[in-house]
Amino acid sequence: MNDLSPVEKNQQPSQALHEDRGSSEFITFHKPGQVSKETIGYGNGSNVTEEKNNNTSPFSGSTIFGEPKNLNMNEMGDNLELPTGTGNNHYDPSSSPSSLEDELLFFNYHEYSVQKYECLETGVYAQHSHPLTITHFPNPYVEFQSKQYRSTRIVRIPRIFNKVIANTYPQFSTTIPGFEPAALIDPKHSTDQLTNVNSFIPKGIYQGQLFGYSSVSPLSQYLTVEEFKEIVERVNEFMKNAFDPLTVLNIINNILNFMTIWTWERIIRSPSKACLDRLEAFIEDLNNNQLKTKDIRIISPRRSGYICLDFEIPKPVIP
């Protein structure tokens, strides 16, 4: 490919731009009537400069990132440089959030949207312009196709990764689904002062289950914001004490394990395991008392591998 002339290289933009991996090329666009100089870099380090009269549209037949693009000249300045995708793309630190104003907003990454569903208002199963938001899921903690499997659903509370401490030990979101900064809202009810925006409002049926337009899950029908936050904060406290390697007890335990070639852990139960046992006891007590009256329960995070905190709820039904 290095033997091609500049003209041949211009006539084969797709091949030239994608095979010459050693150069950092840019396509420079100019307004019609301007004379531009374009430098074509070859893999052997040589460059050829050509003058071009841009009386014709410079965007016709141009290849950017390997695909033809139709660009609007009125939205561009006199010169616009775009990478062709063939050079080495370097990370630009200026593109990262550098202030509180640019901070990334948190959302529940377990949820997703579908546009093909049965609308409750019309009863028509078709492709709709407004998607449903899937906020609850099948129950994998009971026997498949059992009565409990058919009558219950799972609401997943995600781990948070937008804080430094959350990368050291597991921490779950203390915001009930639908209240996150980047949560999806119902466009119809978000401006209706007479409607509780933060309630689960079914709009359609997908795979035999009821879902709404917003990120609010059916869990909001059973727990208030304060109740949910209190429960998850207690769980997070247990998780910190169990998995934080910098707590005094964990540091001492690790030193003793190292000095005794892990014989210490066989004699004395580690603080981490003891804390996880207390977490299991807390969840069991919660399920047998406070949550039992609400007909919901928490699944031990040990069963989900501490990836998410799952709440088992009754299957949503039409009011």
Protein backbone atom coordinates (compact mmCIF):
# COMPACT_ATOMS: atom_id res chain seq x y z
CA MET A 1 0.00 0.00 0.00
CA ASN A 2 3.02 2.28 0.53
CA ASP A 3 3.73 2.21 -3.26
CA LEU A 4 0.51 4.04 -4.14
CA SER A 5 0.79 7.54 -5.54
CA PRO A 6 -1.01 10.40 -3.77
CA VAL A 7 -3.65 10.47 -6.52
CA GLU A 8 -4.29 6.75 -6.21
CA LYS A 9 -4.42 7.12 -2.50
CA ASN A 10 -7.07 9.85 -2.78
CA GLN A 11 -9.08 7.66 -5.12
CA GLN A 12 -9.12 4.86 -2.56
CA PRO A 13 -9.94 6.69 0.68
CA SER A 14 -11.26 3.70 2.55
CA GLN A 15 -8.18 1.56 1.99
CA ALA A 16 -5.68 4.38 2.39
CA LEU A 17 -7.17 5.63 5.60
CA HIS A 18 -7.44 2.24 7.22
CA GLU A 19 -4.25 0.52 6.11
CA ASP A 20 -1.77 3.27 6.95
CA ARG A 21 -1.71 2.64 10.72
CA GLY A 22 1.57 4.43 11.30
CA SER A 23 0.48 7.96 10.45
CA SER A 24 -1.62 10.45 12.35
CA GLU A 25 -3.68 11.90 9.51
CA PHE A 26 -6.41 14.54 9.56
CA ILE A 27 -8.91 15.61 6.96
CA THR A 28 -9.14 19.42 6.80
CA PHE A 29 -12.41 20.82 5.44
CA HIS A 30 -12.66 24.31 3.89
CA LYS A 31 -15.48 26.37 2.49
CA PRO A 32 -15.93 26.31 -1.31
CA GLY A 33 -13.63 28.66 -3.20
CA GLN A 34 -10.73 28.34 -0.78
CA VAL A 35 -7.42 26.84 -1.84
CA SER A 36 -6.19 24.30 0.64
CA LYS A 37 -3.00 22.39 1.10
CA GLU A 38 -3.41 18.81 2.21
CA THR A 39 -0.55 16.72 3.51
CA ILE A 40 -0.75 12.99 2.93
CA GLY A 41 1.41 10.99 5.31
CA TYR A 42 2.82 7.61 4.33
CA GLY A 43 3.82 4.78 6.61
CA ASN A 44 7.49 5.21 5.62
CA GLY A 45 7.55 8.71 7.11
CA SER A 46 7.40 10.66 3.83
CA ASN A 47 4.79 13.35 3.15
CA VAL A 48 3.36 14.79 -0.08
CA THR A 49 1.66 18.21 -0.13
CA GLU A 50 -0.98 19.02 -2.74
CA GLU A 51 -2.94 22.19 -3.51
CA LYS A 52 -6.66 21.79 -4.13
CA ASN A 53 -9.29 24.28 -5.28
CA ASN A 54 -12.40 23.66 -3.23
CA ASN A 55 -15.05 25.01 -5.62
CA THR A 56 -17.06 21.87 -5.12
CA SER A 57 -18.49 20.71 -1.86
CA PRO A 58 -15.63 19.28 0.17
CA PHE A 59 -17.96 16.92 1.96
CA SER A 60 -19.16 14.89 -1.01
CA GLY A 61 -17.62 11.45 -0.95
CA SER A 62 -15.53 12.21 2.14
CA THR A 63 -14.82 9.34 4.45
CA ILE A 64 -14.72 10.03 8.16
CA PHE A 65 -14.08 7.18 10.57
CA GLY A 66 -14.54 4.80 7.64
CA GLU A 67 -18.10 5.87 6.76
CA PRO A 68 -19.50 8.51 4.35
CA LYS A 69 -20.87 11.49 6.24
CA ASN A 70 -23.26 14.28 5.19
CA LEU A 71 -22.09 17.35 7.07
CA ASN A 72 -23.73 20.78 7.29
CA MET A 73 -21.30 23.54 6.32
CA ASN A 74 -23.36 26.25 8.00
CA GLU A 75 -22.61 24.66 11.36
CA MET A 76 -18.85 24.68 10.77
CA GLY A 77 -16.14 27.30 10.77
CA ASP A 78 -13.56 28.05 8.13
CA ASN A 79 -11.48 25.06 9.10
CA LEU A 80 -12.51 21.84 10.75
CA GLU A 81 -10.11 19.04 11.50
CA LEU A 82 -11.41 15.56 12.18
CA PRO A 83 -9.34 12.45 12.86
CA THR A 84 -9.58 9.85 10.13
CA GLY A 85 -9.46 7.01 12.61
CA THR A 86 -6.17 5.67 11.28
CA GLY A 87 -3.71 7.29 13.67
CA ASN A 88 -3.19 6.64 17.34
CA ASN A 89 -6.05 8.13 19.35
CA HIS A 90 -4.73 9.56 22.60
CA TYR A 91 -6.76 10.16 25.76
CA ASP A 92 -7.60 13.81 26.23
CA PRO A 93 -7.68 14.73 29.95
CA SER A 94 -9.67 17.86 29.16
CA SER A 95 -12.63 15.68 28.17
CA SER A 96 -12.92 14.22 31.68
CA PRO A 97 -15.17 15.72 34.36
CA SER A 98 -13.04 18.34 36.09
CA SER A 99 -15.61 20.04 38.29
CA LEU A 100 -18.80 19.36 40.17
CA GLU A 101 -20.76 20.80 37.25
CA ASP A 102 -19.32 18.10 34.96
CA GLU A 103 -19.82 15.25 37.43
CA LEU A 104 -21.40 12.16 35.94
CA LEU A 105 -24.97 11.47 37.06
CA PHE A 106 -25.86 8.14 38.67
CA PHE A 107 -28.57 5.81 37.37
CA ASN A 108 -29.63 2.19 37.86
CA TYR A 109 -27.61 0.32 35.25
CA HIS A 110 -29.75 -2.81 35.63
CA GLU A 111 -32.75 -1.23 33.92
CA TYR A 112 -33.26 -1.08 30.15
CA SER A 113 -35.94 0.04 27.68
CA VAL A 114 -38.10 -1.73 25.09
CA GLN A 115 -40.34 -0.20 22.43
CA LYS A 116 -42.29 -3.24 21.30
CA TYR A 117 -44.97 -4.05 23.85
CA GLU A 118 -48.72 -4.17 24.47
CA CYS A 119 -50.11 -0.75 25.36
CA LEU A 120 -52.55 -0.85 28.29
CA GLU A 121 -54.70 1.97 26.87
CA THR A 122 -55.17 0.54 23.37
CA GLY A 123 -54.46 -3.15 23.95
CA VAL A 124 -52.32 -3.14 20.79
CA TYR A 125 -49.03 -5.03 20.70
CA ALA A 126 -46.77 -3.06 18.37
CA GLN A 127 -43.72 -0.83 18.09
CA HIS A 128 -44.39 2.32 20.12
CA SER A 129 -42.66 5.68 20.03
CA HIS A 130 -42.26 5.83 23.80
CA PRO A 131 -40.41 2.89 25.38
CA LEU A 132 -41.21 0.98 28.53
CA THR A 133 -38.53 0.91 31.22
CA ILE A 134 -37.81 -2.58 32.55
CA THR A 135 -37.35 -2.14 36.29
CA HIS A 136 -38.07 -5.61 37.72
CA PHE A 137 -36.88 -9.05 36.69
CA PRO A 138 -37.57 -12.80 37.04
CA ASN A 139 -36.76 -14.37 40.40
CA PRO A 140 -33.66 -16.59 40.05
CA TYR A 141 -33.63 -17.48 43.76
CA VAL A 142 -36.59 -19.86 43.66
CA GLU A 143 -37.33 -22.99 41.66
CA PHE A 144 -38.02 -22.23 38.01
CA GLN A 145 -41.74 -22.23 37.09
CA SER A 146 -42.76 -22.76 40.70
CA LYS A 147 -45.71 -20.86 42.15
CA GLN A 148 -43.34 -18.45 43.90
CA TYR A 149 -41.44 -17.91 40.65
CA ARG A 150 -44.65 -16.92 38.86
CA SER A 151 -45.92 -14.69 41.68
CA THR A 152 -42.75 -12.76 42.57
CA ARG A 153 -40.29 -10.42 40.88
CA ILE A 154 -36.84 -9.05 41.72
CA VAL A 155 -35.87 -5.38 41.95
CA ARG A 156 -32.11 -4.99 41.73
CA ILE A 157 -30.27 -2.28 43.65
CA PRO A 158 -26.93 -1.63 41.96
CA ARG A 159 -23.52 -1.21 43.49
CA ILE A 160 -22.16 2.30 43.25
CA PHE A 161 -18.85 2.98 41.55
CA ASN A 162 -18.89 6.78 41.45
CA LYS A 163 -17.05 7.04 44.76
CA VAL A 164 -13.49 6.02 45.54
CA ILE A 165 -14.48 3.95 48.58
CA ALA A 166 -16.92 1.92 46.50
CA ASN A 167 -13.98 0.47 44.57
CA THR A 168 -12.39 -0.72 47.82
CA TYR A 169 -15.35 -2.63 49.22
CA PRO A 170 -18.95 -3.24 48.03
CA GLN A 171 -21.44 -0.43 48.59
CA PHE A 172 -25.01 -0.32 47.29
CA SER A 173 -27.04 2.66 46.17
CA THR A 174 -29.05 4.21 48.99
CA THR A 175 -31.42 5.83 46.48
CA ILE A 176 -34.61 3.91 45.80
CA PRO A 177 -35.02 3.18 42.05
CA GLY A 178 -36.58 6.10 40.21
CA PHE A 179 -35.05 8.78 42.44
CA GLU A 180 -31.52 8.71 40.99
CA PRO A 181 -30.17 11.95 39.44
CA ALA A 182 -30.23 10.40 35.95
CA ALA A 183 -33.41 8.35 36.39
CA LEU A 184 -35.95 8.30 33.56
CA ILE A 185 -39.18 10.12 34.32
CA ASP A 186 -42.68 9.79 32.90
CA PRO A 187 -42.98 12.71 30.43
CA LYS A 188 -46.73 12.97 30.98
CA HIS A 189 -46.82 12.93 34.75
CA SER A 190 -43.57 14.79 35.42
CA THR A 191 -45.38 18.12 35.00
CA ASP A 192 -48.64 17.05 36.63
CA GLN A 193 -48.67 18.43 40.17
CA LEU A 194 -51.63 16.24 41.09
CA THR A 195 -49.77 13.03 40.30
CA ASN A 196 -47.06 11.43 42.41
CA VAL A 197 -44.17 11.35 39.95
CA ASN A 198 -42.28 8.88 42.11
CA SER A 199 -44.91 6.14 41.99
CA PHE A 200 -44.98 3.08 39.79
CA ILE A 201 -47.54 3.68 37.01
CA PRO A 202 -48.05 0.71 34.62
CA LYS A 203 -48.23 1.70 30.95
CA GLY A 204 -47.70 -1.52 29.05
CA ILE A 205 -47.18 -5.27 29.14
CA TYR A 206 -43.87 -6.85 28.15
CA GLN A 207 -43.35 -10.61 28.40
CA GLY A 208 -46.47 -10.88 30.53
CA GLN A 209 -45.32 -8.27 33.07
CA LEU A 210 -46.43 -4.70 33.79
CA PHE A 211 -43.97 -1.85 33.32
CA GLY A 212 -44.09 1.93 33.22
CA TYR A 213 -42.35 4.69 31.32
CA SER A 214 -40.16 5.84 34.21
CA SER A 215 -37.34 4.34 36.28
CA VAL A 216 -39.64 4.00 39.29
CA SER A 217 -39.98 0.33 40.23
CA PRO A 218 -42.83 -1.41 42.10
CA LEU A 219 -40.58 -1.40 45.18
CA SER A 220 -41.74 2.17 45.82
CA GLN A 221 -45.20 0.75 46.61
CA TYR A 222 -43.79 -1.07 49.64
CA LEU A 223 -40.96 1.08 51.02
CA THR A 224 -40.66 4.81 51.53
CA VAL A 225 -37.50 6.68 50.60
CA GLU A 226 -36.49 6.88 54.26
CA GLU A 227 -37.16 3.19 54.98
CA PHE A 228 -35.20 2.10 51.95
CA LYS A 229 -32.24 4.35 52.76
CA GLU A 230 -32.12 3.15 56.37
CA ILE A 231 -32.06 -0.51 55.33
CA VAL A 232 -29.37 -0.11 52.67
CA GLU A 233 -27.19 2.07 54.91
CA ARG A 234 -27.18 -0.71 57.52
CA VAL A 235 -26.23 -3.25 54.86
CA ASN A 236 -23.47 -0.95 53.60
CA GLU A 237 -22.13 -0.60 57.13
CA PHE A 238 -21.80 -4.38 57.44
CA MET A 239 -20.13 -4.54 54.03
CA LYS A 240 -17.59 -1.88 54.99
CA ASN A 241 -16.65 -3.57 58.26
CA ALA A 242 -16.32 -6.93 56.54
CA PHE A 243 -14.41 -6.02 53.38
CA ASP A 244 -12.55 -2.78 54.09
CA PRO A 245 -8.88 -3.87 54.28
CA LEU A 246 -7.92 -0.73 56.22
CA THR A 247 -10.00 -1.27 59.36
CA VAL A 248 -7.96 -1.91 62.50
CA LEU A 249 -9.38 -5.40 63.07
CA ASN A 250 -8.80 -6.48 59.47
CA ILE A 251 -5.23 -5.14 59.48
CA ILE A 252 -4.39 -6.98 62.72
CA ASN A 253 -6.08 -10.15 61.46
CA ASN A 254 -4.14 -10.08 58.19
CA ILE A 255 -0.83 -9.56 60.00
CA LEU A 256 -1.52 -12.48 62.34
CA ASN A 257 -2.54 -14.66 59.41
CA PHE A 258 0.66 -13.82 57.57
CA MET A 259 2.87 -14.47 60.61
CA THR A 260 1.20 -17.82 61.37
CA ILE A 261 0.90 -18.91 57.72
CA TRP A 262 -2.90 -18.62 58.02
CA THR A 263 -3.08 -20.92 61.05
CA TRP A 264 -4.62 -18.06 63.03
CA GLU A 265 -7.71 -18.04 60.81
CA ARG A 266 -8.28 -21.74 61.46
CA ILE A 267 -8.28 -21.18 65.22
CA ILE A 268 -10.11 -17.85 65.48
CA ARG A 269 -12.97 -16.80 63.23
CA SER A 270 -11.86 -13.75 61.27
CA PRO A 271 -13.55 -10.36 61.92
CA SER A 272 -14.59 -10.27 58.26
CA LYS A 273 -16.46 -13.58 58.43
CA ALA A 274 -17.98 -12.68 61.79
CA CYS A 275 -19.27 -9.41 60.33
CA LEU A 276 -20.81 -11.23 57.37
CA ASP A 277 -22.54 -13.58 59.80
CA ARG A 278 -24.04 -10.54 61.55
CA LEU A 279 -25.20 -9.26 58.16
CA GLU A 280 -26.99 -12.56 57.49
CA ALA A 281 -28.64 -12.38 60.91
CA PHE A 282 -29.73 -8.78 60.27
CA ILE A 283 -31.31 -9.70 56.92
CA GLU A 284 -33.07 -12.72 58.41
CA ASP A 285 -34.48 -10.62 61.26
CA LEU A 286 -35.58 -7.93 58.79
CA ASN A 287 -37.35 -10.46 56.57
CA ASN A 288 -39.11 -12.13 59.51
CA ASN A 289 -40.37 -8.90 61.07
CA GLN A 290 -40.38 -5.50 59.36
CA LEU A 291 -40.56 -6.68 55.75
CA LYS A 292 -42.82 -9.68 56.37
CA THR A 293 -45.79 -7.39 56.97
CA LYS A 294 -45.10 -5.74 53.60
CA ASP A 295 -44.90 -9.11 51.80
CA ILE A 296 -41.38 -8.42 50.51
CA ARG A 297 -37.94 -9.66 51.48
CA ILE A 298 -34.26 -8.94 50.92
CA ILE A 299 -32.08 -11.54 49.26
CA SER A 300 -28.73 -11.97 50.97
CA PRO A 301 -26.06 -10.21 48.87
CA ARG A 302 -23.93 -13.31 49.34
CA ARG A 303 -26.27 -15.11 46.91
CA SER A 304 -25.77 -12.44 44.25
CA GLY A 305 -22.01 -12.39 44.70
CA TYR A 306 -22.25 -8.89 46.25
CA ILE A 307 -22.87 -7.48 42.76
CA CYS A 308 -26.32 -6.16 43.61
CA LEU A 309 -28.78 -6.04 46.49
CA ASP A 310 -31.99 -7.77 45.45
CA PHE A 311 -35.48 -7.21 46.82
CA GLU A 312 -38.16 -9.83 46.21
CA ILE A 313 -41.59 -8.25 45.64
CA PRO A 314 -45.03 -9.53 44.59
CA LYS A 315 -45.69 -9.57 40.86
CA PRO A 316 -47.23 -6.20 39.84
CA VAL A 317 -50.90 -6.33 38.88
CA ILE A 318 -53.26 -3.79 37.35
CA PRO A 319 -54.93 -1.80 40.18
